[in-house]
Amino acid sequence: MIETHDLSKQFNDFLAVDGVNLSVQAGQILALLGQNGAGKTTTVRMLTALLHPTRGWARVAGYDVVKNGNDVRASVGVLTEQHGLYMRMTAIEYLDFFGQVYSLSPELRKSRSNHLLEYFGLAEAAHRRIGEDSKGMRQKLALARAMMHDPGVLLLDEPTSAMDPESARLVRDEIARLKSSKRTIVICSHNLTEVEALADQIAIIYRGRILLQGTLEELKRHVLGSPEYEIKFADSWDSSGLELPNDVKLLSRTATSFKVRVERPQESNPQILKSLFATSASVMTFQEEPRTLEQVYLKAMAEAKGRENVQ
């Protein structure tokens, strides 16, 4: 579990992180989105007890990042964008080395190394030099290293950066599998499609402050408004006399379709369909207009910059 309150970091006159409040439960993935320099890396460094906050507090796996720094670091696995693999080592040597860094016993180092190599599908590459592995295999090995001491919290920076689609899919599958083991996971990523697939919660950070935070559906509604639907008919049909619920706004109409914005879809969509069927309309499709995280992110960032220009 990760909790922060008013988490802030100032470097001389520069406020890098300003009042960040987060709550990530076990078995959840939080995606932290933002431009380069927005404060993501500084936030992660405070969560790993590598930097002390100037103001506010953070608890990771139940430990205070200032008072219990060693306990925090022992409870966290970190995957950085530049993972520092030792290319002349074999995979088994590499994991054993980091097991020593975490003060694991020889027996535990051996069992953890073998387990992780098997878990990530790297057992056949255990005795091959890392430099001979593919990018996807190296990324999985770096993730295995982050798991070597069996941490309850994972902080992953650009986990699929510069990877081919197949390797990226393998790593995404592993992250989803780790989530199912009740770990708390924070991902920093510019890959919005990946975030849509993985994240339970999303936080957008801009100039050190959280602009928006919530589930993808909550962010869509907050930034883009209520969902829109297009209803298409098999034949031409006059919809001018159709009565719509009070929370439904007609956006456009043609002879074979119309579009509406619906405030309360769960309540109103069945009513719309009931009204259509009562008039013997030949409904062919009733689909929500696609809305993506990219649309949410770009609009949120544009609005934030617009507010700055006004000021």
Protein backbone atom coordinates (compact mmCIF):
# COMPACT_ATOMS: atom_id res chain seq x y z
CA MET A 1 0.00 0.00 0.00
CA ILE A 2 1.12 3.56 -0.75
CA GLU A 3 -0.28 6.66 0.93
CA THR A 4 0.89 10.25 0.59
CA HIS A 5 -0.41 13.52 1.99
CA ASP A 6 0.68 16.95 0.77
CA LEU A 7 3.90 15.35 -0.51
CA SER A 8 6.19 18.12 -1.74
CA LYS A 9 9.81 18.60 -2.73
CA GLN A 10 11.62 21.88 -3.26
CA PHE A 11 15.12 22.31 -4.71
CA ASN A 12 16.29 25.82 -3.83
CA ASP A 13 13.69 28.07 -5.53
CA PHE A 14 12.20 25.28 -7.68
CA LEU A 15 9.13 23.45 -6.39
CA ALA A 16 9.41 20.09 -8.18
CA VAL A 17 6.50 18.35 -6.42
CA ASP A 18 3.67 20.29 -4.81
CA GLY A 19 1.06 18.76 -2.52
CA VAL A 20 0.67 15.29 -4.04
CA ASN A 21 -1.99 13.09 -2.41
CA LEU A 22 -2.07 9.43 -3.43
CA SER A 23 -3.66 6.25 -2.14
CA VAL A 24 -2.87 2.94 -3.85
CA GLN A 25 -4.14 -0.28 -2.32
CA ALA A 26 -2.70 -3.78 -2.54
CA GLY A 27 -3.72 -5.38 -5.83
CA GLN A 28 -4.04 -2.02 -7.58
CA ILE A 29 -2.04 -0.33 -10.34
CA LEU A 30 -1.70 3.45 -10.36
CA ALA A 31 -0.43 5.10 -13.54
CA LEU A 32 1.38 8.41 -13.05
CA LEU A 33 1.23 10.44 -16.27
CA GLY A 34 2.88 13.71 -17.20
CA GLN A 35 5.39 15.47 -19.38
CA ASN A 36 9.12 15.11 -18.83
CA GLY A 37 10.02 17.30 -15.87
CA ALA A 38 6.48 17.25 -14.44
CA GLY A 39 7.62 15.69 -11.15
CA LYS A 40 7.07 11.95 -11.71
CA THR A 41 10.67 10.88 -11.09
CA THR A 42 11.01 13.11 -8.02
CA THR A 43 7.80 11.62 -6.62
CA VAL A 44 9.08 8.08 -7.17
CA ARG A 45 12.41 8.92 -5.52
CA MET A 46 10.56 10.11 -2.44
CA LEU A 47 8.48 6.93 -2.44
CA THR A 48 11.71 4.88 -2.45
CA ALA A 49 13.15 6.97 0.42
CA LEU A 50 15.99 8.22 -1.80
CA LEU A 51 14.79 11.80 -1.34
CA HIS A 52 13.23 13.32 1.75
CA PRO A 53 10.12 15.44 1.20
CA THR A 54 10.29 19.14 2.00
CA ARG A 55 6.69 19.05 3.17
CA GLY A 56 4.05 16.39 3.77
CA TRP A 57 4.52 12.67 4.29
CA ALA A 58 4.45 9.32 2.54
CA ARG A 59 3.99 5.77 3.80
CA VAL A 60 5.01 2.80 1.68
CA ALA A 61 4.11 -0.74 2.82
CA GLY A 62 3.23 0.83 6.17
CA TYR A 63 6.62 2.55 6.64
CA ASP A 64 7.29 6.27 6.80
CA VAL A 65 9.74 7.26 4.04
CA VAL A 66 11.67 9.59 6.38
CA LYS A 67 11.64 7.66 9.66
CA ASN A 68 11.91 4.14 8.20
CA GLY A 69 13.94 4.57 5.02
CA ASN A 70 15.69 1.19 5.22
CA ASP A 71 12.39 -0.63 5.73
CA VAL A 72 10.87 1.21 2.76
CA ARG A 73 13.76 0.26 0.47
CA ALA A 74 13.53 -3.35 1.62
CA SER A 75 9.81 -3.37 0.76
CA VAL A 76 10.04 -1.80 -2.71
CA GLY A 77 11.12 -3.18 -6.07
CA VAL A 78 12.15 -0.56 -8.62
CA LEU A 79 12.39 -0.81 -12.40
CA THR A 80 14.06 2.26 -13.88
CA GLU A 81 13.99 3.20 -17.56
CA GLN A 82 17.76 2.60 -17.69
CA HIS A 83 17.97 -0.67 -15.78
CA GLY A 84 21.74 -1.10 -15.61
CA LEU A 85 21.98 -4.76 -16.59
CA TYR A 86 25.47 -6.27 -16.48
CA MET A 87 25.78 -7.64 -19.99
CA ARG A 88 28.72 -9.97 -19.31
CA MET A 89 26.91 -11.73 -16.46
CA THR A 90 24.51 -14.62 -16.97
CA ALA A 91 20.93 -14.16 -15.79
CA ILE A 92 21.44 -16.49 -12.82
CA GLU A 93 24.64 -14.68 -11.79
CA TYR A 94 22.91 -11.32 -12.06
CA LEU A 95 19.99 -12.29 -9.82
CA ASP A 96 22.30 -13.95 -7.32
CA PHE A 97 24.38 -10.76 -7.15
CA PHE A 98 21.33 -8.67 -6.30
CA GLY A 99 20.23 -11.28 -3.81
CA GLN A 100 23.50 -10.61 -2.01
CA VAL A 101 22.81 -6.86 -2.17
CA TYR A 102 19.52 -7.55 -0.36
CA SER A 103 21.35 -9.75 2.19
CA LEU A 104 19.49 -12.93 1.25
CA SER A 105 20.96 -16.23 2.37
CA PRO A 106 22.63 -18.47 -0.28
CA GLU A 107 19.73 -20.92 -0.11
CA LEU A 108 17.12 -18.20 -0.52
CA ARG A 109 19.10 -16.55 -3.35
CA LYS A 110 19.15 -19.84 -5.23
CA SER A 111 15.45 -20.60 -4.73
CA ARG A 112 14.34 -17.04 -5.56
CA SER A 113 16.54 -16.88 -8.68
CA ASN A 114 15.24 -20.20 -10.00
CA HIS A 115 11.65 -19.30 -9.17
CA LEU A 116 11.82 -15.89 -10.89
CA LEU A 117 13.56 -17.20 -13.99
CA GLU A 118 10.84 -19.83 -14.29
CA TYR A 119 8.06 -17.33 -13.51
CA PHE A 120 9.19 -14.91 -16.23
CA GLY A 121 9.89 -17.62 -18.80
CA LEU A 122 13.67 -17.12 -18.65
CA ALA A 123 14.76 -20.52 -17.32
CA GLU A 124 16.30 -21.57 -20.65
CA ALA A 125 18.39 -18.37 -20.68
CA ALA A 126 19.60 -18.75 -17.09
CA HIS A 127 23.21 -19.54 -18.02
CA ARG A 128 23.46 -17.34 -21.10
CA ARG A 129 25.11 -13.93 -21.02
CA ILE A 130 22.57 -11.13 -20.70
CA GLY A 131 24.10 -9.32 -23.67
CA GLU A 132 22.89 -12.15 -25.93
CA ASP A 133 19.24 -11.76 -24.87
CA SER A 134 16.50 -9.83 -26.69
CA LYS A 135 15.23 -6.48 -25.38
CA GLY A 136 12.08 -8.12 -24.11
CA MET A 137 14.03 -10.75 -22.20
CA ARG A 138 16.29 -8.11 -20.69
CA GLN A 139 13.29 -6.09 -19.58
CA LYS A 140 11.76 -9.17 -17.98
CA LEU A 141 15.07 -9.90 -16.26
CA ALA A 142 15.16 -6.34 -14.89
CA LEU A 143 11.62 -6.90 -13.59
CA ALA A 144 12.77 -10.19 -12.03
CA ARG A 145 15.61 -8.32 -10.32
CA ALA A 146 13.09 -5.85 -8.89
CA MET A 147 11.21 -8.87 -7.50
CA MET A 148 14.27 -10.65 -6.08
CA HIS A 149 13.53 -9.73 -2.45
CA ASP A 150 9.78 -10.40 -2.89
CA PRO A 151 8.62 -6.79 -2.37
CA GLY A 152 5.00 -5.88 -1.77
CA VAL A 153 5.36 -2.63 -3.73
CA LEU A 154 6.64 -2.15 -7.30
CA LEU A 155 7.59 1.19 -8.90
CA LEU A 156 7.99 0.80 -12.66
CA ASP A 157 9.35 3.58 -14.88
CA GLU A 158 8.51 3.15 -18.61
CA PRO A 159 8.31 -0.66 -18.29
CA THR A 160 7.97 -1.23 -22.07
CA SER A 161 10.04 1.66 -23.41
CA ALA A 162 11.70 1.08 -26.84
CA MET A 163 10.44 -2.49 -27.05
CA ASP A 164 8.96 -4.27 -30.05
CA PRO A 165 5.20 -4.98 -29.83
CA GLU A 166 5.58 -8.67 -28.97
CA SER A 167 8.08 -8.04 -26.17
CA ALA A 168 5.96 -5.18 -24.82
CA ARG A 169 2.94 -7.47 -24.68
CA LEU A 170 4.92 -10.06 -22.73
CA VAL A 171 5.98 -7.48 -20.15
CA ARG A 172 2.41 -6.10 -19.87
CA ASP A 173 1.16 -9.63 -19.25
CA GLU A 174 3.74 -10.06 -16.48
CA ILE A 175 2.70 -6.78 -14.83
CA ALA A 176 -0.95 -7.84 -14.91
CA ARG A 177 0.03 -11.17 -13.37
CA LEU A 178 1.97 -9.39 -10.61
CA LYS A 179 -1.08 -7.26 -9.86
CA SER A 180 -3.11 -10.42 -9.34
CA SER A 181 -0.68 -11.42 -6.57
CA LYS A 182 -1.95 -8.43 -4.51
CA ARG A 183 1.08 -6.21 -5.01
CA THR A 184 0.83 -2.43 -5.06
CA ILE A 185 2.16 -1.13 -8.38
CA VAL A 186 2.92 2.38 -9.65
CA ILE A 187 3.72 2.83 -13.35
CA CYS A 188 5.21 5.95 -14.93
CA SER A 189 4.57 5.77 -18.66
CA HIS A 190 4.04 7.79 -21.82
CA ASN A 191 2.31 4.82 -23.46
CA LEU A 192 -1.34 5.76 -22.95
CA THR A 193 -2.72 2.64 -24.64
CA GLU A 194 -0.70 0.55 -22.19
CA VAL A 195 -2.00 2.57 -19.26
CA GLU A 196 -5.60 2.09 -20.42
CA ALA A 197 -5.04 -1.67 -20.42
CA LEU A 198 -3.32 -1.92 -17.03
CA ALA A 199 -4.23 0.88 -14.65
CA ASP A 200 -6.97 0.85 -12.02
CA GLN A 201 -6.26 4.47 -11.10
CA ILE A 202 -4.69 7.25 -13.17
CA ALA A 203 -3.09 10.46 -11.91
CA ILE A 204 -2.03 13.25 -14.29
CA ILE A 205 0.72 15.45 -12.90
CA TYR A 206 1.63 18.89 -14.29
CA ARG A 207 4.32 21.18 -12.90
CA GLY A 208 4.50 19.08 -9.76
CA ARG A 209 0.78 19.10 -8.97
CA ILE A 210 -1.90 16.48 -9.57
CA LEU A 211 -4.33 17.83 -12.16
CA LEU A 212 -6.67 14.86 -12.19
CA GLN A 213 -6.95 11.52 -10.43
CA GLY A 214 -9.42 8.66 -10.68
CA THR A 215 -10.46 5.70 -12.77
CA LEU A 216 -10.38 6.01 -16.55
CA GLU A 217 -14.17 6.28 -16.68
CA GLU A 218 -14.16 8.98 -14.00
CA LEU A 219 -11.54 10.98 -15.89
CA LYS A 220 -13.44 10.62 -19.18
CA ARG A 221 -16.62 11.97 -17.63
CA HIS A 222 -14.81 14.79 -15.79
CA VAL A 223 -12.80 16.00 -18.80
CA LEU A 224 -14.89 14.98 -21.81
CA GLY A 225 -18.35 15.16 -20.30
CA SER A 226 -21.14 12.60 -20.40
CA PRO A 227 -20.82 9.72 -22.87
CA GLU A 228 -22.26 9.99 -26.37
CA TYR A 229 -24.07 7.24 -28.27
CA GLU A 230 -24.93 6.67 -31.92
CA ILE A 231 -28.05 4.68 -32.80
CA LYS A 232 -28.22 3.34 -36.36
CA PHE A 233 -31.27 1.92 -38.13
CA ALA A 234 -31.50 -0.72 -40.84
CA ASP A 235 -33.97 1.44 -42.79
CA SER A 236 -34.89 5.10 -43.01
CA TRP A 237 -36.95 6.09 -39.98
CA ASP A 238 -38.46 9.36 -38.80
CA SER A 239 -37.21 9.91 -35.25
CA SER A 240 -38.66 13.43 -34.92
CA GLY A 241 -41.51 12.27 -32.71
CA LEU A 242 -39.38 10.16 -30.37
CA GLU A 243 -39.57 11.20 -26.72
CA LEU A 244 -36.22 11.05 -24.94
CA PRO A 245 -35.55 10.97 -21.17
CA ASN A 246 -34.81 14.31 -19.53
CA ASP A 247 -31.08 13.61 -19.13
CA VAL A 248 -30.63 12.81 -22.84
CA LYS A 249 -29.62 15.53 -25.31
CA LEU A 250 -30.06 15.03 -29.05
CA LEU A 251 -26.83 15.99 -30.84
CA SER A 252 -27.54 15.13 -34.47
CA ARG A 253 -30.04 13.28 -36.64
CA THR A 254 -30.13 11.69 -40.11
CA ALA A 255 -32.64 9.45 -41.87
CA THR A 256 -30.84 6.32 -40.66
CA SER A 257 -29.21 7.38 -37.37
CA PHE A 258 -29.04 9.85 -34.52
CA LYS A 259 -26.55 10.77 -31.80
CA VAL A 260 -27.30 11.59 -28.17
CA ARG A 261 -25.42 12.59 -25.02
CA VAL A 262 -26.62 10.69 -21.97
CA GLU A 263 -26.07 11.83 -18.37
CA ARG A 264 -27.15 8.56 -16.75
CA PRO A 265 -26.59 5.75 -19.29
CA GLN A 266 -27.50 2.86 -16.99
CA GLU A 267 -30.94 4.34 -16.37
CA SER A 268 -31.68 6.08 -19.67
CA ASN A 269 -30.30 3.74 -22.34
CA PRO A 270 -32.86 0.99 -21.60
CA GLN A 271 -35.60 3.66 -21.75
CA ILE A 272 -34.36 4.85 -25.15
CA LEU A 273 -34.37 1.29 -26.50
CA LYS A 274 -37.83 0.63 -25.06
CA SER A 275 -39.17 3.75 -26.80
CA LEU A 276 -37.54 2.76 -30.08
CA PHE A 277 -38.91 -0.77 -30.02
CA ALA A 278 -42.37 0.58 -29.16
CA THR A 279 -42.34 2.50 -32.46
CA SER A 280 -41.13 -0.58 -34.38
CA ALA A 281 -37.85 1.11 -35.27
CA SER A 282 -35.40 -1.32 -36.88
CA VAL A 283 -32.44 -0.66 -34.58
CA MET A 284 -29.24 -2.05 -36.05
CA THR A 285 -26.61 -0.76 -33.57
CA PHE A 286 -26.55 1.21 -30.31
CA GLN A 287 -22.91 2.11 -29.65
CA GLU A 288 -21.00 4.45 -27.37
CA GLU A 289 -18.73 6.81 -29.25
CA PRO A 290 -15.10 5.82 -28.49
CA ARG A 291 -13.28 8.07 -26.02
CA THR A 292 -9.66 7.43 -25.16
CA LEU A 293 -7.18 8.29 -22.43
CA GLU A 294 -5.22 10.20 -25.06
CA GLN A 295 -8.19 12.54 -25.57
CA VAL A 296 -8.48 13.00 -21.80
CA TYR A 297 -4.75 13.66 -21.37
CA LEU A 298 -4.42 16.11 -24.25
CA LYS A 299 -7.49 18.11 -23.24
CA ALA A 300 -6.44 18.23 -19.58
CA MET A 301 -2.96 19.44 -20.50
CA ALA A 302 -4.33 22.03 -22.95
CA GLU A 303 -6.70 23.39 -20.29
CA ALA A 304 -3.89 23.56 -17.72
CA LYS A 305 -1.67 25.50 -20.12
CA GLY A 306 -4.60 27.73 -21.07
CA ARG A 307 -5.17 28.67 -17.43
CA GLU A 308 -1.48 29.59 -17.14
CA ASN A 309 -1.70 31.87 -20.18
CA VAL A 310 -4.73 33.66 -18.73
CA GLN A 311 -2.88 34.28 -15.48
